[in-house]
């Protein structure tokens, strides 16, 4: 049974109709692993690392997504994400610096509920980027 994966954002297409053996997404209530023949569903996605294995490959590919939707149908999996970053697009040092500054700022300032919610989103996205970048083998 074949399963195709498409990942798109408002700015770019990461994958379009690529055959995959497995997809794992950060769903609303935890990680969701999707294999060929999975029951149809639509779910919201949280910020986190999604993984997929292209058909016939051993290595998993990954991307950091920030909020979106996942649709599973008999034809495959469609990911509509607000943001999707591939590991090679991530500046690990800049992300770590951003995270440190954000954490320092949040500890030293009075903030509104809205600012707190924004901090939580940004923090989760930065942590996921660091996780993805650190999982990627070093470039030569």
Foldseek 3Di string as FASTA:
>chain_A
DWAFEWEDAPVGTPDDGFTFQWKWFQFPVGIDIDGQPDDWDKTKGAFAKMWTGGPPHDDIFIWTFHIFMWTQDNHHIYTYGNDIGGLVRDDLVVLVVVLVVLVVVVVPDDDDPVVVVVSVSSNSNSVRSNVRNVVDDDDD
